[in-house]
Amino acid sequence: MLVDMVDDVSRPRSGDAFGVLGSAEMFTLRTVGTRSADNLLGKARRVWHDDRERALAYVEHAVRLPLDEVERVAPVVLAAHTMLFSDVVDVLEAADPADSRWLDAALAVMETGAPHAQEALRNVFGAIDQDHTLYSVSPSERRRLRVAMNGGPTGPDPWDVDPARTVEYVLGIIDTCEAYAAALADDGAKE
């Protein structure tokens, strides 16, 4: 019985040589689009403070990347959310267990952020809460995450961004990432 189940999962679907993973062509397009968006957003962040026009050009280029047909989301939106998630989780993972500055800074940014930035942070908090044992999140931090996830006005679904507003949306996420870095720097300066 188990052998039949494993065989069924590993058997390619009709016209699909790669089974549940999808076709080689789809996998390649998805990887290229996501990597390209990551690359372009990284470039935008590097020039964010010195050359906003150039940063905008990188974001506009990333917005023109084709839709990820597997995820049904623009690669730039996925890349922007991944960037914000990585910023918060990198600080969390480097923090001592008793150090909640990663969360203090994120909550401070959330209080003043635009609705879509708040919603993006709620999604980051949800992912961290879901995997709290992986990240060694304390019970008090989990309570704070859950309060933040359930409170305040909700913004638009972060995976369903209006194509006409994608540039503005992604620029807002970059602003959120930069505000998070600034909040951490301010907190570190107070010590």
N, C-alpha and C. Protein backbone atom coordinates (compact mmCIF):
# COMPACT_ATOMS: atom_id res chain seq x y z
N MET A 1 0.82 -1.18 0.00
CA MET A 1 0.00 0.00 0.00
C MET A 1 0.87 1.26 0.00
N LEU A 2 1.86 1.38 0.94
CA LEU A 2 2.74 2.53 0.98
C LEU A 2 3.54 2.64 -0.30
N VAL A 3 3.98 1.50 -0.84
CA VAL A 3 4.74 1.50 -2.09
C VAL A 3 3.89 2.09 -3.22
N ASP A 4 2.60 1.75 -3.26
CA ASP A 4 1.70 2.30 -4.27
C ASP A 4 1.56 3.82 -4.13
N MET A 5 1.48 4.30 -2.88
CA MET A 5 1.34 5.73 -2.66
C MET A 5 2.60 6.48 -3.10
N VAL A 6 3.76 5.97 -2.74
CA VAL A 6 5.01 6.59 -3.14
C VAL A 6 5.15 6.56 -4.65
N ASP A 7 4.80 5.43 -5.25
CA ASP A 7 4.89 5.30 -6.70
C ASP A 7 3.97 6.30 -7.39
N ASP A 8 2.77 6.50 -6.82
CA ASP A 8 1.82 7.43 -7.42
C ASP A 8 2.34 8.86 -7.36
N VAL A 9 2.94 9.26 -6.25
CA VAL A 9 3.46 10.61 -6.10
C VAL A 9 4.64 10.84 -7.02
N SER A 10 5.47 9.83 -7.19
CA SER A 10 6.67 10.01 -8.01
C SER A 10 6.42 9.81 -9.49
N ARG A 11 5.26 9.28 -9.87
CA ARG A 11 4.95 9.05 -11.27
C ARG A 11 4.63 10.36 -11.97
N PRO A 12 5.27 10.63 -13.09
CA PRO A 12 5.00 11.88 -13.82
C PRO A 12 3.54 11.98 -14.20
N ARG A 13 3.01 13.19 -14.14
CA ARG A 13 1.65 13.45 -14.57
C ARG A 13 1.64 13.51 -16.09
N SER A 14 0.47 13.48 -16.69
CA SER A 14 0.39 13.45 -18.14
C SER A 14 1.09 14.67 -18.73
N GLY A 15 2.02 14.43 -19.62
CA GLY A 15 2.75 15.50 -20.28
C GLY A 15 3.74 16.22 -19.38
N ASP A 16 4.02 15.68 -18.20
CA ASP A 16 4.89 16.36 -17.25
C ASP A 16 6.03 15.43 -16.85
N ALA A 17 7.17 15.62 -17.44
CA ALA A 17 8.31 14.76 -17.19
C ALA A 17 8.91 14.94 -15.80
N PHE A 18 8.50 16.00 -15.10
CA PHE A 18 9.08 16.28 -13.80
C PHE A 18 8.11 16.02 -12.65
N GLY A 19 7.02 15.33 -12.89
CA GLY A 19 6.08 14.97 -11.83
C GLY A 19 5.55 16.17 -11.09
N VAL A 20 5.54 16.11 -9.76
CA VAL A 20 4.93 17.15 -8.96
C VAL A 20 5.72 18.45 -8.97
N LEU A 21 6.96 18.44 -9.40
CA LEU A 21 7.76 19.66 -9.41
C LEU A 21 7.48 20.56 -10.60
N GLY A 22 6.86 20.03 -11.63
CA GLY A 22 6.58 20.85 -12.80
C GLY A 22 7.61 20.61 -13.89
N SER A 23 7.40 21.24 -15.01
CA SER A 23 8.29 21.01 -16.14
C SER A 23 9.61 21.73 -15.96
N ALA A 24 10.61 21.26 -16.68
CA ALA A 24 11.93 21.90 -16.62
C ALA A 24 11.83 23.34 -17.10
N GLU A 25 11.02 23.57 -18.12
CA GLU A 25 10.86 24.92 -18.65
C GLU A 25 10.24 25.83 -17.60
N MET A 26 9.20 25.37 -16.92
CA MET A 26 8.53 26.18 -15.91
C MET A 26 9.47 26.44 -14.74
N PHE A 27 10.21 25.40 -14.32
CA PHE A 27 11.14 25.55 -13.21
C PHE A 27 12.21 26.58 -13.56
N THR A 28 12.72 26.53 -14.77
CA THR A 28 13.77 27.45 -15.20
C THR A 28 13.23 28.88 -15.26
N LEU A 29 12.05 29.08 -15.84
CA LEU A 29 11.47 30.42 -15.92
C LEU A 29 11.21 30.98 -14.52
N ARG A 30 10.74 30.15 -13.63
CA ARG A 30 10.46 30.59 -12.27
C ARG A 30 11.75 30.99 -11.57
N THR A 31 12.76 30.20 -11.70
CA THR A 31 14.03 30.48 -11.06
C THR A 31 14.65 31.76 -11.62
N VAL A 32 14.62 31.91 -12.93
CA VAL A 32 15.20 33.09 -13.56
C VAL A 32 14.44 34.35 -13.15
N GLY A 33 13.13 34.31 -13.16
CA GLY A 33 12.34 35.48 -12.78
C GLY A 33 12.58 35.89 -11.34
N THR A 34 12.58 34.92 -10.44
CA THR A 34 12.78 35.22 -9.02
C THR A 34 14.19 35.72 -8.76
N ARG A 35 15.16 35.06 -9.34
CA ARG A 35 16.55 35.51 -9.15
C ARG A 35 16.78 36.89 -9.76
N SER A 36 16.19 37.14 -10.89
CA SER A 36 16.33 38.45 -11.51
C SER A 36 15.72 39.53 -10.63
N ALA A 37 14.54 39.27 -10.09
CA ALA A 37 13.89 40.24 -9.21
C ALA A 37 14.72 40.46 -7.95
N ASP A 38 15.23 39.39 -7.36
CA ASP A 38 16.10 39.52 -6.18
C ASP A 38 17.30 40.39 -6.49
N ASN A 39 17.93 40.13 -7.63
CA ASN A 39 19.11 40.88 -8.04
C ASN A 39 18.79 42.37 -8.22
N LEU A 40 17.71 42.66 -8.93
CA LEU A 40 17.34 44.05 -9.19
C LEU A 40 16.96 44.79 -7.90
N LEU A 41 16.26 44.12 -7.00
CA LEU A 41 15.90 44.77 -5.73
C LEU A 41 17.14 44.98 -4.86
N GLY A 42 18.07 44.05 -4.92
CA GLY A 42 19.33 44.25 -4.20
C GLY A 42 20.07 45.47 -4.70
N LYS A 43 20.10 45.65 -6.01
CA LYS A 43 20.73 46.84 -6.59
C LYS A 43 19.99 48.10 -6.18
N ALA A 44 18.67 48.04 -6.18
CA ALA A 44 17.87 49.20 -5.77
C ALA A 44 18.19 49.60 -4.33
N ARG A 45 18.31 48.63 -3.46
CA ARG A 45 18.61 48.94 -2.05
C ARG A 45 20.00 49.53 -1.87
N ARG A 46 20.95 49.05 -2.67
CA ARG A 46 22.31 49.58 -2.53
C ARG A 46 22.41 51.06 -2.89
N VAL A 47 21.57 51.52 -3.80
CA VAL A 47 21.62 52.93 -4.21
C VAL A 47 20.46 53.74 -3.63
N TRP A 48 19.65 53.15 -2.76
CA TRP A 48 18.42 53.74 -2.25
C TRP A 48 18.61 55.14 -1.69
N HIS A 49 19.63 55.34 -0.88
CA HIS A 49 19.82 56.63 -0.22
C HIS A 49 20.56 57.65 -1.09
N ASP A 50 21.38 57.17 -2.00
CA ASP A 50 22.22 58.07 -2.80
C ASP A 50 21.65 58.43 -4.16
N ASP A 51 20.86 57.54 -4.74
CA ASP A 51 20.39 57.75 -6.11
C ASP A 51 19.00 57.14 -6.26
N ARG A 52 17.99 57.83 -5.76
CA ARG A 52 16.63 57.32 -5.75
C ARG A 52 16.12 57.08 -7.16
N GLU A 53 16.54 57.90 -8.11
CA GLU A 53 16.11 57.73 -9.50
C GLU A 53 16.60 56.39 -10.07
N ARG A 54 17.84 56.08 -9.78
CA ARG A 54 18.42 54.80 -10.24
C ARG A 54 17.73 53.63 -9.53
N ALA A 55 17.46 53.78 -8.24
CA ALA A 55 16.75 52.73 -7.50
C ALA A 55 15.38 52.49 -8.12
N LEU A 56 14.68 53.56 -8.45
CA LEU A 56 13.38 53.45 -9.10
C LEU A 56 13.49 52.72 -10.44
N ALA A 57 14.52 53.00 -11.19
CA ALA A 57 14.73 52.33 -12.49
C ALA A 57 14.91 50.82 -12.29
N TYR A 58 15.65 50.42 -11.26
CA TYR A 58 15.82 48.99 -10.98
C TYR A 58 14.48 48.35 -10.63
N VAL A 59 13.69 49.03 -9.80
CA VAL A 59 12.39 48.48 -9.41
C VAL A 59 11.47 48.39 -10.62
N GLU A 60 11.44 49.41 -11.43
CA GLU A 60 10.59 49.39 -12.64
C GLU A 60 11.00 48.25 -13.57
N HIS A 61 12.29 48.00 -13.68
CA HIS A 61 12.76 46.89 -14.51
C HIS A 61 12.27 45.56 -13.92
N ALA A 62 12.37 45.43 -12.60
CA ALA A 62 11.93 44.20 -11.93
C ALA A 62 10.43 43.98 -12.09
N VAL A 63 9.66 45.06 -12.09
CA VAL A 63 8.20 44.95 -12.24
C VAL A 63 7.84 44.40 -13.61
N ARG A 64 8.66 44.65 -14.60
CA ARG A 64 8.38 44.18 -15.96
C ARG A 64 8.69 42.69 -16.17
N LEU A 65 9.27 42.03 -15.19
CA LEU A 65 9.54 40.59 -15.32
C LEU A 65 8.21 39.84 -15.44
N PRO A 66 8.20 38.75 -16.21
CA PRO A 66 6.94 38.02 -16.40
C PRO A 66 6.42 37.39 -15.11
N LEU A 67 5.12 37.25 -15.05
CA LEU A 67 4.43 36.64 -13.92
C LEU A 67 4.94 35.23 -13.69
N ASP A 68 5.12 34.86 -12.43
CA ASP A 68 5.47 33.50 -12.05
C ASP A 68 4.20 32.66 -12.21
N GLU A 69 4.16 31.83 -13.22
CA GLU A 69 2.96 31.05 -13.54
C GLU A 69 2.66 29.97 -12.50
N VAL A 70 3.66 29.55 -11.75
CA VAL A 70 3.43 28.55 -10.71
C VAL A 70 2.80 29.21 -9.48
N GLU A 71 3.41 30.27 -9.01
CA GLU A 71 2.93 30.96 -7.81
C GLU A 71 1.80 31.93 -8.11
N ARG A 72 1.63 32.31 -9.37
CA ARG A 72 0.64 33.29 -9.80
C ARG A 72 0.86 34.64 -9.11
N VAL A 73 2.11 35.03 -9.03
CA VAL A 73 2.48 36.30 -8.41
C VAL A 73 3.64 36.88 -9.20
N ALA A 74 3.75 38.19 -9.20
CA ALA A 74 4.87 38.85 -9.86
C ALA A 74 6.15 38.53 -9.09
N PRO A 75 7.21 38.13 -9.78
CA PRO A 75 8.46 37.81 -9.08
C PRO A 75 8.96 38.94 -8.19
N VAL A 76 8.73 40.19 -8.60
CA VAL A 76 9.19 41.32 -7.79
C VAL A 76 8.45 41.40 -6.46
N VAL A 77 7.18 41.03 -6.43
CA VAL A 77 6.42 41.03 -5.18
C VAL A 77 6.95 39.93 -4.26
N LEU A 78 7.18 38.76 -4.81
CA LEU A 78 7.75 37.66 -4.05
C LEU A 78 9.13 38.05 -3.52
N ALA A 79 9.95 38.66 -4.36
CA ALA A 79 11.30 39.07 -3.96
C ALA A 79 11.25 40.14 -2.86
N ALA A 80 10.32 41.07 -2.97
CA ALA A 80 10.20 42.13 -1.96
C ALA A 80 9.82 41.54 -0.61
N HIS A 81 8.88 40.62 -0.60
CA HIS A 81 8.48 39.99 0.65
C HIS A 81 9.60 39.15 1.22
N THR A 82 10.31 38.46 0.37
CA THR A 82 11.44 37.65 0.83
C THR A 82 12.51 38.54 1.44
N MET A 83 12.75 39.69 0.84
CA MET A 83 13.73 40.64 1.34
C MET A 83 13.36 41.11 2.75
N LEU A 84 12.10 41.49 2.95
CA LEU A 84 11.65 41.94 4.26
C LEU A 84 11.73 40.80 5.28
N PHE A 85 11.28 39.62 4.90
CA PHE A 85 11.35 38.45 5.77
C PHE A 85 12.79 38.19 6.17
N SER A 86 13.70 38.20 5.21
CA SER A 86 15.11 37.93 5.48
C SER A 86 15.71 38.97 6.41
N ASP A 87 15.36 40.24 6.21
CA ASP A 87 15.89 41.29 7.08
C ASP A 87 15.51 41.02 8.53
N VAL A 88 14.25 40.70 8.77
CA VAL A 88 13.78 40.48 10.15
C VAL A 88 14.37 39.18 10.70
N VAL A 89 14.33 38.12 9.93
CA VAL A 89 14.79 36.82 10.43
C VAL A 89 16.30 36.80 10.64
N ASP A 90 17.05 37.48 9.80
CA ASP A 90 18.51 37.52 10.00
C ASP A 90 18.86 38.14 11.35
N VAL A 91 18.15 39.19 11.73
CA VAL A 91 18.40 39.83 13.03
C VAL A 91 17.92 38.91 14.15
N LEU A 92 16.77 38.30 13.98
CA LEU A 92 16.24 37.36 14.98
C LEU A 92 17.23 36.22 15.21
N GLU A 93 17.72 35.63 14.15
CA GLU A 93 18.64 34.48 14.29
C GLU A 93 19.96 34.87 14.94
N ALA A 94 20.40 36.10 14.76
CA ALA A 94 21.67 36.55 15.34
C ALA A 94 21.51 37.02 16.79
N ALA A 95 20.27 37.23 17.22
CA ALA A 95 20.02 37.77 18.55
C ALA A 95 20.18 36.71 19.63
N ASP A 96 20.56 37.17 20.81
CA ASP A 96 20.57 36.29 21.98
C ASP A 96 19.12 35.96 22.32
N PRO A 97 18.87 34.81 22.94
CA PRO A 97 17.48 34.43 23.26
C PRO A 97 16.71 35.48 24.06
N ALA A 98 17.37 36.22 24.92
CA ALA A 98 16.68 37.22 25.74
C ALA A 98 16.59 38.58 25.06
N ASP A 99 17.10 38.71 23.86
CA ASP A 99 17.15 39.99 23.15
C ASP A 99 15.98 40.10 22.18
N SER A 100 15.03 40.96 22.48
CA SER A 100 13.83 41.13 21.65
C SER A 100 13.90 42.38 20.78
N ARG A 101 15.08 42.95 20.61
CA ARG A 101 15.17 44.17 19.80
C ARG A 101 14.73 43.94 18.36
N TRP A 102 14.91 42.73 17.85
CA TRP A 102 14.46 42.43 16.49
C TRP A 102 12.96 42.69 16.37
N LEU A 103 12.21 42.29 17.40
CA LEU A 103 10.76 42.46 17.41
C LEU A 103 10.37 43.90 17.77
N ASP A 104 11.08 44.50 18.72
CA ASP A 104 10.80 45.89 19.09
C ASP A 104 10.90 46.79 17.86
N ALA A 105 11.96 46.62 17.08
CA ALA A 105 12.17 47.45 15.89
C ALA A 105 11.09 47.19 14.84
N ALA A 106 10.75 45.94 14.63
CA ALA A 106 9.71 45.61 13.64
C ALA A 106 8.36 46.18 14.05
N LEU A 107 8.04 46.10 15.33
CA LEU A 107 6.76 46.65 15.81
C LEU A 107 6.74 48.17 15.71
N ALA A 108 7.87 48.81 15.97
CA ALA A 108 7.94 50.27 15.84
C ALA A 108 7.71 50.69 14.39
N VAL A 109 8.30 49.95 13.46
CA VAL A 109 8.12 50.26 12.04
C VAL A 109 6.67 50.00 11.64
N MET A 110 6.10 48.95 12.17
CA MET A 110 4.72 48.61 11.82
C MET A 110 3.74 49.69 12.26
N GLU A 111 4.00 50.31 13.39
CA GLU A 111 3.11 51.36 13.91
C GLU A 111 3.01 52.55 12.97
N THR A 112 4.09 52.85 12.27
CA THR A 112 4.12 54.05 11.43
C THR A 112 4.06 53.75 9.94
N GLY A 113 4.08 52.48 9.58
CA GLY A 113 4.13 52.11 8.16
C GLY A 113 2.81 52.25 7.44
N ALA A 114 2.90 52.28 6.13
CA ALA A 114 1.72 52.29 5.27
C ALA A 114 0.96 50.97 5.45
N PRO A 115 -0.35 50.95 5.17
CA PRO A 115 -1.14 49.72 5.35
C PRO A 115 -0.54 48.50 4.66
N HIS A 116 -0.02 48.65 3.44
CA HIS A 116 0.54 47.46 2.79
C HIS A 116 1.83 47.00 3.45
N ALA A 117 2.59 47.94 4.02
CA ALA A 117 3.80 47.56 4.74
C ALA A 117 3.43 46.85 6.05
N GLN A 118 2.38 47.33 6.70
CA GLN A 118 1.90 46.67 7.91
C GLN A 118 1.46 45.24 7.61
N GLU A 119 0.76 45.08 6.49
CA GLU A 119 0.29 43.74 6.11
C GLU A 119 1.47 42.83 5.77
N ALA A 120 2.48 43.38 5.12
CA ALA A 120 3.67 42.59 4.81
C ALA A 120 4.37 42.15 6.09
N LEU A 121 4.46 43.04 7.08
CA LEU A 121 5.06 42.66 8.35
C LEU A 121 4.20 41.63 9.08
N ARG A 122 2.89 41.75 8.99
CA ARG A 122 2.02 40.73 9.60
C ARG A 122 2.32 39.36 9.00
N ASN A 123 2.55 39.32 7.70
CA ASN A 123 2.88 38.05 7.05
C ASN A 123 4.23 37.52 7.54
N VAL A 124 5.19 38.40 7.71
CA VAL A 124 6.49 37.99 8.26
C VAL A 124 6.28 37.43 9.67
N PHE A 125 5.51 38.14 10.48
CA PHE A 125 5.24 37.69 11.85
C PHE A 125 4.54 36.32 11.84
N GLY A 126 3.61 36.13 10.91
CA GLY A 126 2.91 34.85 10.82
C GLY A 126 3.85 33.71 10.50
N ALA A 127 4.78 33.94 9.59
CA ALA A 127 5.75 32.91 9.23
C ALA A 127 6.67 32.60 10.41
N ILE A 128 7.09 33.63 11.12
CA ILE A 128 7.95 33.42 12.29
C ILE A 128 7.18 32.68 13.38
N ASP A 129 5.94 33.07 13.62
CA ASP A 129 5.13 32.40 14.63
C ASP A 129 4.90 30.94 14.28
N GLN A 130 4.63 30.68 13.02
CA GLN A 130 4.40 29.31 12.58
C GLN A 130 5.63 28.44 12.81
N ASP A 131 6.81 29.00 12.61
CA ASP A 131 8.06 28.25 12.77
C ASP A 131 8.81 28.70 14.03
N HIS A 132 8.08 29.06 15.07
CA HIS A 132 8.70 29.63 16.27
C HIS A 132 9.77 28.74 16.89
N THR A 133 9.62 27.44 16.80
CA THR A 133 10.64 26.56 17.39
C THR A 133 11.94 26.61 16.58
N LEU A 134 11.83 26.79 15.30
CA LEU A 134 13.00 26.91 14.44
C LEU A 134 13.80 28.16 14.78
N TYR A 135 13.10 29.23 15.12
CA TYR A 135 13.75 30.50 15.39
C TYR A 135 13.97 30.78 16.88
N SER A 136 13.59 29.88 17.74
CA SER A 136 13.74 30.06 19.19
C SER A 136 13.07 31.34 19.68
N VAL A 137 11.84 31.51 19.27
CA VAL A 137 11.04 32.66 19.69
C VAL A 137 10.47 32.36 21.07
N SER A 138 10.64 33.28 22.00
CA SER A 138 10.17 33.07 23.37
C SER A 138 8.63 33.15 23.42
N PRO A 139 8.04 32.60 24.47
CA PRO A 139 6.57 32.70 24.61
C PRO A 139 6.08 34.15 24.64
N SER A 140 6.80 35.04 25.29
CA SER A 140 6.36 36.45 25.32
C SER A 140 6.48 37.08 23.93
N GLU A 141 7.51 36.73 23.17
CA GLU A 141 7.63 37.24 21.80
C GLU A 141 6.49 36.70 20.92
N ARG A 142 6.14 35.44 21.13
CA ARG A 142 5.03 34.87 20.35
C ARG A 142 3.73 35.60 20.66
N ARG A 143 3.49 35.94 21.92
CA ARG A 143 2.28 36.68 22.27
C ARG A 143 2.29 38.05 21.57
N ARG A 144 3.42 38.71 21.58
CA ARG A 144 3.52 40.01 20.93
C ARG A 144 3.33 39.89 19.42
N LEU A 145 3.87 38.84 18.82
CA LEU A 145 3.68 38.60 17.38
C LEU A 145 2.20 38.43 17.08
N ARG A 146 1.53 37.63 17.88
CA ARG A 146 0.12 37.35 17.63
C ARG A 146 -0.76 38.58 17.81
N VAL A 147 -0.45 39.40 18.78
CA VAL A 147 -1.20 40.65 18.97
C VAL A 147 -1.01 41.52 17.72
N ALA A 148 0.22 41.62 17.26
CA ALA A 148 0.51 42.45 16.07
C ALA A 148 -0.15 41.89 14.82
N MET A 149 -0.19 40.57 14.71
CA MET A 149 -0.80 39.94 13.53
C MET A 149 -2.31 40.17 13.50
N ASN A 150 -2.93 40.27 14.65
CA ASN A 150 -4.39 40.37 14.71
C ASN A 150 -4.90 41.78 14.92
N GLY A 151 -4.02 42.73 15.14
CA GLY A 151 -4.46 44.09 15.43
C GLY A 151 -4.27 45.02 14.25
N GLY A 152 -4.96 46.14 14.33
CA GLY A 152 -4.76 47.19 13.35
C GLY A 152 -5.50 46.96 12.05
N PRO A 153 -5.50 48.00 11.22
CA PRO A 153 -6.20 47.88 9.94
C PRO A 153 -5.43 46.94 9.01
N THR A 154 -6.15 46.17 8.25
CA THR A 154 -5.49 45.28 7.31
C THR A 154 -5.35 45.99 5.97
N GLY A 155 -4.23 45.74 5.35
CA GLY A 155 -3.97 46.29 4.02
C GLY A 155 -4.42 45.30 2.97
N PRO A 156 -4.05 45.54 1.74
CA PRO A 156 -4.42 44.62 0.68
C PRO A 156 -3.66 43.30 0.83
N ASP A 157 -4.20 42.25 0.25
CA ASP A 157 -3.53 40.96 0.25
C ASP A 157 -2.17 41.16 -0.41
N PRO A 158 -1.09 40.85 0.30
CA PRO A 158 0.23 41.13 -0.25
C PRO A 158 0.57 40.32 -1.49
N TRP A 159 -0.16 39.28 -1.76
CA TRP A 159 0.14 38.48 -2.95
C TRP A 159 -0.75 38.88 -4.12
N ASP A 160 -1.66 39.80 -3.89
CA ASP A 160 -2.60 40.22 -4.92
C ASP A 160 -2.47 41.73 -5.15
N VAL A 161 -1.29 42.13 -5.59
CA VAL A 161 -1.00 43.55 -5.78
C VAL A 161 -1.53 43.99 -7.14
N ASP A 162 -2.21 45.11 -7.15
CA ASP A 162 -2.70 45.71 -8.39
C ASP A 162 -1.49 46.01 -9.28
N PRO A 163 -1.43 45.44 -10.48
CA PRO A 163 -0.27 45.66 -11.36
C PRO A 163 0.06 47.13 -11.58
N ALA A 164 -0.94 47.98 -11.59
CA ALA A 164 -0.70 49.41 -11.79
C ALA A 164 -0.02 50.05 -10.58
N ARG A 165 -0.06 49.38 -9.44
CA ARG A 165 0.53 49.93 -8.21
C ARG A 165 1.72 49.13 -7.73
N THR A 166 2.21 48.21 -8.53
CA THR A 166 3.30 47.34 -8.09
C THR A 166 4.56 48.12 -7.76
N VAL A 167 4.92 49.10 -8.58
CA VAL A 167 6.12 49.89 -8.32
C VAL A 167 5.99 50.57 -6.96
N GLU A 168 4.87 51.23 -6.73
CA GLU A 168 4.63 51.92 -5.46
C GLU A 168 4.68 50.92 -4.30
N TYR A 169 4.08 49.77 -4.49
CA TYR A 169 4.04 48.74 -3.46
C TYR A 169 5.45 48.27 -3.09
N VAL A 170 6.24 47.96 -4.11
CA VAL A 170 7.60 47.47 -3.87
C VAL A 170 8.47 48.56 -3.24
N LEU A 171 8.32 49.79 -3.69
CA LEU A 171 9.06 50.90 -3.08
C LEU A 171 8.69 51.02 -1.60
N GLY A 172 7.43 50.78 -1.27
CA GLY A 172 6.99 50.81 0.13
C GLY A 172 7.63 49.71 0.96
N ILE A 173 7.80 48.54 0.36
CA ILE A 173 8.45 47.43 1.07
C ILE A 173 9.93 47.76 1.29
N ILE A 174 10.57 48.34 0.27
CA ILE A 174 11.98 48.75 0.45
C ILE A 174 12.07 49.80 1.55
N ASP A 175 11.15 50.77 1.55
CA ASP A 175 11.11 51.76 2.63
C ASP A 175 10.97 51.09 3.99
N THR A 176 10.15 50.06 4.06
CA THR A 176 9.95 49.33 5.31
C THR A 176 11.24 48.64 5.75
N CYS A 177 11.93 48.03 4.81
CA CYS A 177 13.22 47.39 5.12
C CYS A 177 14.22 48.41 5.64
N GLU A 178 14.27 49.56 4.99
CA GLU A 178 15.20 50.62 5.41
C GLU A 178 14.80 51.19 6.77
N ALA A 179 13.50 51.35 7.00
CA ALA A 179 13.03 51.84 8.30
C ALA A 179 13.36 50.83 9.40
N TYR A 180 13.28 49.55 9.08
CA TYR A 180 13.63 48.50 10.06
C TYR A 180 15.11 48.60 10.41
N ALA A 181 15.96 48.74 9.40
CA ALA A 181 17.40 48.87 9.65
C ALA A 181 17.69 50.12 10.49
N ALA A 182 17.00 51.22 10.20
CA ALA A 182 17.19 52.46 10.96
C ALA A 182 16.72 52.29 12.41
N ALA A 183 15.59 51.62 12.60
CA ALA A 183 15.08 51.39 13.96
C ALA A 183 16.05 50.53 14.76
N LEU A 184 16.65 49.56 14.12
CA LEU A 184 17.65 48.73 14.80
C LEU A 184 18.88 49.55 15.15
N ALA A 185 19.31 50.40 14.23
CA ALA A 185 20.48 51.25 14.48
C ALA A 185 20.20 52.22 15.61
N ASP A 186 18.99 52.81 15.62
CA ASP A 186 18.62 53.73 16.70
C ASP A 186 18.60 53.02 18.04
N ASP A 187 18.07 51.80 18.06
CA ASP A 187 18.00 51.03 19.28
C ASP A 187 19.39 50.67 19.77
N GLY A 188 20.27 50.32 18.83
CA GLY A 188 21.65 49.99 19.19
C GLY A 188 22.40 51.19 19.72
N ALA A 189 22.09 52.38 19.23
CA ALA A 189 22.75 53.60 19.68
C ALA A 189 22.33 53.99 21.09
N LYS A 190 21.14 53.53 21.52
CA LYS A 190 20.62 53.85 22.85
C LYS A 190 21.30 53.05 23.94
N GLU A 191 21.92 51.93 23.57
CA GLU A 191 22.54 51.07 24.58
C GLU A 191 23.75 51.69 25.21
